[in-house]
N, C-alpha and C. Protein backbone atom coordinates (compact mmCIF):
# COMPACT_ATOMS: atom_id res chain seq x y z
N UNK A 1 -30.58 -27.93 -13.13
CA UNK A 1 -30.02 -29.16 -12.60
C UNK A 1 -31.12 -29.96 -11.92
N UNK A 2 -31.20 -31.23 -12.23
CA UNK A 2 -32.21 -32.07 -11.60
C UNK A 2 -31.66 -32.87 -10.45
N UNK A 3 -30.38 -33.03 -10.40
CA UNK A 3 -29.74 -33.79 -9.32
C UNK A 3 -28.50 -33.08 -8.84
N UNK A 4 -27.81 -33.71 -7.92
CA UNK A 4 -26.60 -33.11 -7.38
C UNK A 4 -25.37 -33.75 -8.03
N UNK A 5 -24.26 -33.04 -7.99
CA UNK A 5 -22.98 -33.55 -8.46
C UNK A 5 -21.97 -33.38 -7.32
N UNK A 6 -20.90 -34.13 -7.39
CA UNK A 6 -19.84 -34.05 -6.38
C UNK A 6 -18.99 -32.81 -6.60
N UNK A 7 -18.81 -32.04 -5.56
CA UNK A 7 -17.86 -30.92 -5.59
C UNK A 7 -16.55 -31.37 -4.97
N UNK A 8 -16.65 -32.09 -3.83
CA UNK A 8 -15.49 -32.67 -3.16
C UNK A 8 -15.78 -34.16 -3.00
N UNK A 9 -14.84 -35.01 -3.46
CA UNK A 9 -15.09 -36.45 -3.46
C UNK A 9 -14.64 -37.11 -2.16
N UNK A 10 -14.62 -38.45 -2.17
CA UNK A 10 -14.28 -39.24 -0.99
C UNK A 10 -12.88 -38.95 -0.47
N UNK A 11 -11.97 -38.58 -1.37
CA UNK A 11 -10.58 -38.34 -1.00
C UNK A 11 -10.27 -36.86 -0.79
N UNK A 12 -11.32 -36.05 -0.62
CA UNK A 12 -11.21 -34.60 -0.39
C UNK A 12 -10.51 -33.88 -1.54
N UNK A 13 -10.76 -34.34 -2.75
CA UNK A 13 -10.25 -33.71 -3.97
C UNK A 13 -11.40 -33.00 -4.67
N UNK A 14 -11.14 -31.80 -5.21
CA UNK A 14 -12.17 -31.09 -5.95
C UNK A 14 -12.45 -31.81 -7.26
N UNK A 15 -13.72 -31.89 -7.63
CA UNK A 15 -14.16 -32.59 -8.82
C UNK A 15 -14.49 -31.56 -9.89
N UNK A 16 -14.02 -31.75 -11.11
CA UNK A 16 -14.23 -30.80 -12.19
C UNK A 16 -15.58 -30.94 -12.87
N UNK A 17 -16.38 -31.93 -12.51
CA UNK A 17 -17.65 -32.17 -13.21
C UNK A 17 -18.66 -31.05 -12.99
N UNK A 18 -18.49 -30.25 -11.97
CA UNK A 18 -19.46 -29.17 -11.69
C UNK A 18 -19.08 -27.86 -12.37
N UNK A 19 -17.92 -27.79 -13.02
CA UNK A 19 -17.49 -26.53 -13.61
C UNK A 19 -18.41 -26.03 -14.71
N UNK A 20 -19.03 -26.93 -15.46
CA UNK A 20 -19.92 -26.49 -16.54
C UNK A 20 -21.11 -25.70 -16.02
N UNK A 21 -21.51 -25.95 -14.78
CA UNK A 21 -22.64 -25.22 -14.19
C UNK A 21 -22.20 -23.88 -13.58
N UNK A 22 -20.92 -23.73 -13.34
CA UNK A 22 -20.44 -22.54 -12.65
C UNK A 22 -19.77 -21.52 -13.57
N UNK A 23 -19.40 -21.91 -14.78
CA UNK A 23 -18.64 -21.02 -15.65
C UNK A 23 -19.49 -20.06 -16.47
N UNK A 24 -20.78 -20.36 -16.67
CA UNK A 24 -21.60 -19.51 -17.53
C UNK A 24 -21.96 -18.18 -16.87
N UNK A 25 -22.00 -18.13 -15.54
CA UNK A 25 -22.30 -16.88 -14.82
C UNK A 25 -21.43 -16.81 -13.58
N UNK A 26 -21.37 -15.62 -13.01
CA UNK A 26 -20.59 -15.48 -11.78
C UNK A 26 -21.39 -14.83 -10.66
N UNK A 27 -22.69 -14.68 -10.84
CA UNK A 27 -23.54 -14.06 -9.84
C UNK A 27 -24.39 -15.13 -9.16
N UNK A 28 -23.86 -15.73 -8.08
CA UNK A 28 -24.54 -16.81 -7.38
C UNK A 28 -24.71 -16.46 -5.91
N UNK A 29 -25.72 -17.03 -5.31
CA UNK A 29 -25.87 -17.04 -3.86
C UNK A 29 -25.54 -18.45 -3.41
N UNK A 30 -24.73 -18.58 -2.39
CA UNK A 30 -24.29 -19.90 -1.93
C UNK A 30 -24.90 -20.18 -0.57
N UNK A 31 -25.53 -21.37 -0.45
CA UNK A 31 -26.13 -21.81 0.80
C UNK A 31 -25.54 -23.18 1.12
N UNK A 32 -24.91 -23.30 2.27
CA UNK A 32 -24.34 -24.57 2.69
C UNK A 32 -24.98 -25.04 3.98
N UNK A 33 -24.87 -26.32 4.24
CA UNK A 33 -25.47 -26.90 5.43
C UNK A 33 -24.46 -27.80 6.12
N UNK A 34 -24.17 -27.50 7.37
CA UNK A 34 -23.25 -28.29 8.20
C UNK A 34 -24.01 -28.81 9.41
N UNK A 35 -23.63 -29.99 9.88
CA UNK A 35 -24.28 -30.50 11.07
C UNK A 35 -23.88 -31.93 11.37
N UNK A 36 -24.42 -32.44 12.44
CA UNK A 36 -24.14 -33.80 12.87
C UNK A 36 -24.89 -34.80 11.99
N UNK A 37 -24.59 -36.06 12.18
CA UNK A 37 -25.19 -37.12 11.39
C UNK A 37 -26.67 -37.29 11.73
N UNK A 38 -27.50 -37.35 10.69
CA UNK A 38 -28.92 -37.65 10.87
C UNK A 38 -29.79 -36.49 11.30
N UNK A 39 -29.31 -35.24 11.21
CA UNK A 39 -30.12 -34.11 11.66
C UNK A 39 -30.99 -33.52 10.56
N UNK A 40 -30.79 -33.95 9.30
CA UNK A 40 -31.64 -33.48 8.21
C UNK A 40 -31.00 -32.51 7.25
N UNK A 41 -29.68 -32.54 7.13
CA UNK A 41 -28.99 -31.63 6.21
C UNK A 41 -29.43 -31.86 4.76
N UNK A 42 -29.39 -33.11 4.32
CA UNK A 42 -29.75 -33.43 2.93
C UNK A 42 -31.22 -33.16 2.66
N UNK A 43 -32.07 -33.47 3.61
CA UNK A 43 -33.50 -33.22 3.45
C UNK A 43 -33.77 -31.72 3.34
N UNK A 44 -33.17 -30.93 4.20
CA UNK A 44 -33.35 -29.48 4.16
C UNK A 44 -32.86 -28.90 2.85
N UNK A 45 -31.71 -29.33 2.38
CA UNK A 45 -31.17 -28.81 1.13
C UNK A 45 -32.03 -29.23 -0.06
N UNK A 46 -32.60 -30.44 -0.01
CA UNK A 46 -33.50 -30.89 -1.08
C UNK A 46 -34.78 -30.05 -1.11
N UNK A 47 -35.29 -29.71 0.06
CA UNK A 47 -36.48 -28.85 0.12
C UNK A 47 -36.18 -27.47 -0.43
N UNK A 48 -34.99 -26.95 -0.15
CA UNK A 48 -34.60 -25.65 -0.72
C UNK A 48 -34.42 -25.74 -2.23
N UNK A 49 -34.06 -26.93 -2.73
CA UNK A 49 -33.88 -27.12 -4.18
C UNK A 49 -35.20 -27.29 -4.91
N UNK A 50 -36.31 -27.46 -4.18
CA UNK A 50 -37.61 -27.53 -4.82
C UNK A 50 -38.38 -28.81 -4.61
N UNK A 51 -37.81 -29.78 -3.91
CA UNK A 51 -38.58 -30.98 -3.60
C UNK A 51 -39.66 -30.65 -2.58
N UNK A 52 -40.73 -31.44 -2.60
CA UNK A 52 -41.84 -31.23 -1.67
C UNK A 52 -41.72 -32.18 -0.49
N UNK A 53 -42.07 -31.74 0.71
CA UNK A 53 -41.92 -32.60 1.89
C UNK A 53 -42.82 -33.83 1.88
N UNK A 54 -43.93 -33.78 1.13
CA UNK A 54 -44.85 -34.92 1.14
C UNK A 54 -44.62 -35.88 -0.02
N UNK A 55 -43.49 -35.76 -0.73
CA UNK A 55 -43.17 -36.71 -1.80
C UNK A 55 -42.92 -38.08 -1.20
N UNK A 56 -43.56 -39.07 -1.78
CA UNK A 56 -43.40 -40.44 -1.28
C UNK A 56 -42.04 -41.03 -1.63
N UNK A 57 -41.52 -40.69 -2.79
CA UNK A 57 -40.26 -41.26 -3.25
C UNK A 57 -39.10 -40.37 -2.82
N UNK A 58 -38.47 -40.71 -1.72
CA UNK A 58 -37.34 -39.91 -1.22
C UNK A 58 -36.12 -40.05 -2.12
N UNK A 59 -36.07 -41.08 -2.98
CA UNK A 59 -34.95 -41.23 -3.92
C UNK A 59 -35.00 -40.18 -5.01
N UNK A 60 -36.14 -39.51 -5.18
CA UNK A 60 -36.26 -38.45 -6.18
C UNK A 60 -35.76 -37.11 -5.65
N UNK A 61 -35.37 -37.06 -4.39
CA UNK A 61 -34.83 -35.82 -3.83
C UNK A 61 -33.50 -35.48 -4.51
N UNK A 62 -33.20 -34.18 -4.59
CA UNK A 62 -31.95 -33.73 -5.19
C UNK A 62 -30.76 -34.28 -4.41
N UNK A 63 -30.82 -34.17 -3.09
CA UNK A 63 -29.79 -34.73 -2.23
C UNK A 63 -30.41 -35.93 -1.51
N UNK A 64 -29.84 -37.10 -1.70
CA UNK A 64 -30.44 -38.32 -1.15
C UNK A 64 -30.40 -38.29 0.36
N UNK A 65 -31.57 -38.38 1.02
CA UNK A 65 -31.59 -38.39 2.48
C UNK A 65 -31.18 -39.76 3.03
N UNK A 66 -30.86 -39.79 4.29
CA UNK A 66 -30.42 -41.01 4.95
C UNK A 66 -31.60 -41.98 5.05
N UNK A 67 -31.38 -43.21 4.61
CA UNK A 67 -32.44 -44.22 4.69
C UNK A 67 -32.47 -44.81 6.09
N UNK A 68 -33.53 -45.54 6.37
CA UNK A 68 -33.63 -46.17 7.69
C UNK A 68 -32.54 -47.22 7.88
N UNK A 69 -32.11 -47.88 6.79
CA UNK A 69 -31.02 -48.86 6.90
C UNK A 69 -29.72 -48.20 7.31
N UNK A 70 -29.42 -47.03 6.69
CA UNK A 70 -28.21 -46.29 7.07
C UNK A 70 -28.30 -45.85 8.53
N UNK A 71 -29.49 -45.40 8.91
CA UNK A 71 -29.67 -44.90 10.27
C UNK A 71 -29.49 -46.03 11.30
N UNK A 72 -30.05 -47.19 11.00
CA UNK A 72 -29.94 -48.32 11.93
C UNK A 72 -28.52 -48.88 12.02
N UNK A 73 -27.79 -48.82 10.90
CA UNK A 73 -26.42 -49.34 10.91
C UNK A 73 -25.40 -48.33 11.41
N UNK A 74 -25.82 -47.09 11.61
CA UNK A 74 -24.90 -46.06 12.08
C UNK A 74 -24.06 -45.46 10.97
N UNK A 75 -24.44 -45.70 9.71
CA UNK A 75 -23.70 -45.16 8.58
C UNK A 75 -24.23 -43.81 8.14
N UNK A 76 -23.54 -43.23 7.18
CA UNK A 76 -23.97 -41.94 6.64
C UNK A 76 -24.09 -42.04 5.13
N UNK A 77 -24.85 -41.14 4.52
CA UNK A 77 -25.07 -41.17 3.06
C UNK A 77 -24.13 -40.23 2.31
N UNK A 78 -24.12 -38.98 2.70
CA UNK A 78 -23.33 -37.99 1.97
C UNK A 78 -21.86 -38.14 2.31
N UNK A 79 -21.05 -38.23 1.26
CA UNK A 79 -19.59 -38.32 1.41
C UNK A 79 -19.00 -37.14 0.67
N UNK A 80 -18.16 -36.37 1.35
CA UNK A 80 -17.60 -35.18 0.74
C UNK A 80 -18.62 -34.05 0.73
N UNK A 81 -18.67 -33.33 -0.40
CA UNK A 81 -19.60 -32.21 -0.55
C UNK A 81 -20.32 -32.38 -1.88
N UNK A 82 -21.65 -32.35 -1.84
CA UNK A 82 -22.48 -32.42 -3.05
C UNK A 82 -22.98 -31.02 -3.37
N UNK A 83 -23.14 -30.74 -4.67
CA UNK A 83 -23.50 -29.41 -5.13
C UNK A 83 -24.70 -29.50 -6.06
N UNK A 84 -25.58 -28.52 -5.95
CA UNK A 84 -26.70 -28.37 -6.87
C UNK A 84 -26.88 -26.88 -7.15
N UNK A 85 -27.08 -26.55 -8.43
CA UNK A 85 -27.32 -25.16 -8.83
C UNK A 85 -28.77 -25.06 -9.26
N UNK A 86 -29.53 -24.18 -8.62
CA UNK A 86 -30.95 -24.02 -8.95
C UNK A 86 -31.13 -23.04 -10.10
N UNK A 87 -32.34 -22.95 -10.62
CA UNK A 87 -32.63 -22.04 -11.72
C UNK A 87 -32.54 -20.58 -11.28
N UNK A 88 -32.60 -20.31 -9.98
CA UNK A 88 -32.48 -18.95 -9.44
C UNK A 88 -31.04 -18.57 -9.13
N UNK A 89 -30.08 -19.32 -9.64
CA UNK A 89 -28.65 -19.09 -9.44
C UNK A 89 -28.27 -19.18 -7.96
N UNK A 90 -28.83 -20.18 -7.28
CA UNK A 90 -28.46 -20.47 -5.90
C UNK A 90 -27.67 -21.77 -5.90
N UNK A 91 -26.48 -21.74 -5.33
CA UNK A 91 -25.66 -22.94 -5.20
C UNK A 91 -25.95 -23.54 -3.83
N UNK A 92 -26.42 -24.77 -3.82
CA UNK A 92 -26.71 -25.48 -2.58
C UNK A 92 -25.61 -26.50 -2.34
N UNK A 93 -25.02 -26.47 -1.15
CA UNK A 93 -23.94 -27.38 -0.79
C UNK A 93 -24.38 -28.26 0.37
N UNK A 94 -24.36 -29.56 0.16
CA UNK A 94 -24.70 -30.54 1.18
C UNK A 94 -23.41 -31.26 1.56
N UNK A 95 -23.12 -31.33 2.85
CA UNK A 95 -21.84 -31.88 3.31
C UNK A 95 -22.03 -33.19 4.06
N UNK A 96 -20.92 -33.90 4.19
CA UNK A 96 -20.94 -35.10 5.02
C UNK A 96 -21.04 -34.68 6.48
N UNK A 97 -21.47 -35.58 7.36
CA UNK A 97 -21.68 -35.19 8.75
C UNK A 97 -20.38 -34.81 9.46
N UNK A 98 -20.53 -33.90 10.40
CA UNK A 98 -19.40 -33.50 11.23
C UNK A 98 -19.36 -34.38 12.48
N UNK A 99 -18.17 -34.64 12.97
CA UNK A 99 -17.97 -35.38 14.22
C UNK A 99 -18.67 -36.74 14.20
N UNK A 100 -18.63 -37.42 13.06
CA UNK A 100 -19.33 -38.69 12.92
C UNK A 100 -18.36 -39.86 13.00
N UNK A 101 -18.64 -40.87 13.83
CA UNK A 101 -17.78 -42.05 13.88
C UNK A 101 -17.74 -42.80 12.55
N UNK A 102 -18.83 -42.78 11.78
CA UNK A 102 -18.82 -43.50 10.50
C UNK A 102 -17.91 -42.81 9.49
N UNK A 103 -17.77 -41.50 9.56
CA UNK A 103 -16.83 -40.79 8.69
C UNK A 103 -15.41 -41.15 9.07
N UNK A 104 -15.12 -41.21 10.36
CA UNK A 104 -13.78 -41.59 10.82
C UNK A 104 -13.46 -43.02 10.39
N UNK A 105 -14.43 -43.92 10.51
CA UNK A 105 -14.22 -45.31 10.13
C UNK A 105 -13.93 -45.43 8.64
N UNK A 106 -14.71 -44.72 7.81
CA UNK A 106 -14.49 -44.77 6.37
C UNK A 106 -13.12 -44.19 5.99
N UNK A 107 -12.72 -43.11 6.64
CA UNK A 107 -11.43 -42.49 6.36
C UNK A 107 -10.29 -43.43 6.72
N UNK A 108 -10.41 -44.11 7.84
CA UNK A 108 -9.37 -45.04 8.24
C UNK A 108 -9.30 -46.24 7.30
N UNK A 109 -10.43 -46.70 6.79
CA UNK A 109 -10.43 -47.81 5.84
C UNK A 109 -9.80 -47.39 4.52
N UNK A 110 -10.03 -46.16 4.09
CA UNK A 110 -9.43 -45.68 2.84
C UNK A 110 -7.92 -45.53 2.98
N UNK A 111 -7.46 -45.17 4.16
CA UNK A 111 -6.03 -45.02 4.38
C UNK A 111 -5.33 -46.35 4.54
N UNK A 112 -6.10 -47.43 4.59
CA UNK A 112 -5.50 -48.75 4.72
C UNK A 112 -5.09 -49.09 6.13
N UNK A 113 -5.55 -48.31 7.08
CA UNK A 113 -5.20 -48.55 8.47
C UNK A 113 -6.35 -49.25 9.16
N UNK A 114 -6.02 -50.14 10.01
CA UNK A 114 -7.05 -50.79 10.82
C UNK A 114 -6.97 -50.23 12.22
N UNK A 115 -8.11 -50.00 12.77
CA UNK A 115 -8.18 -49.51 14.13
C UNK A 115 -8.13 -50.69 15.07
N UNK A 116 -7.08 -50.76 15.84
CA UNK A 116 -6.96 -51.83 16.82
C UNK A 116 -6.81 -51.20 18.19
N UNK A 117 -7.83 -51.29 18.99
CA UNK A 117 -7.73 -50.68 20.32
C UNK A 117 -6.66 -51.37 21.16
N UNK A 118 -5.95 -50.57 21.88
CA UNK A 118 -4.92 -51.12 22.77
C UNK A 118 -5.42 -51.04 24.19
N UNK A 119 -5.08 -52.05 24.94
CA UNK A 119 -5.48 -52.06 26.35
C UNK A 119 -4.23 -52.14 27.20
N UNK A 120 -4.25 -51.46 28.27
CA UNK A 120 -3.12 -51.47 29.19
C UNK A 120 -3.42 -52.46 30.30
N UNK A 121 -2.44 -53.27 30.59
CA UNK A 121 -2.62 -54.25 31.68
C UNK A 121 -2.46 -53.53 33.00
N UNK A 122 -3.41 -53.77 33.84
CA UNK A 122 -3.39 -53.13 35.15
C UNK A 122 -3.20 -54.23 36.19
N UNK A 123 -2.16 -54.06 37.00
CA UNK A 123 -1.92 -55.04 38.04
C UNK A 123 -2.44 -54.50 39.37
N UNK A 124 -3.08 -55.37 40.12
CA UNK A 124 -3.58 -54.99 41.43
C UNK A 124 -2.78 -55.67 42.50
């Protein structure tokens, strides 16, 4: 595999596109990465997949790392769970950030709900 595929999509549904990589054998080692936004989950998983840390083109990484634009806007890159199977039969799982406000915002937009803060009037 040269890139990653979606295992769990934006709507938390399992995606069947990765089954072709998983059905030929059943002897795999699974490595997953969980963490907060911007801590390097995608970068670490890409390095485990065989990318080199000194590569100039970060778009060539197996799991796309967060760009400076995403970082400055407070957004996140990985949505759901991405999967990559290496030649050594290692399944690498890269996840969306935990406890991230941008994940909550995206989920609320998908549900069609708008977040409207309510304020309580305080009389003195």
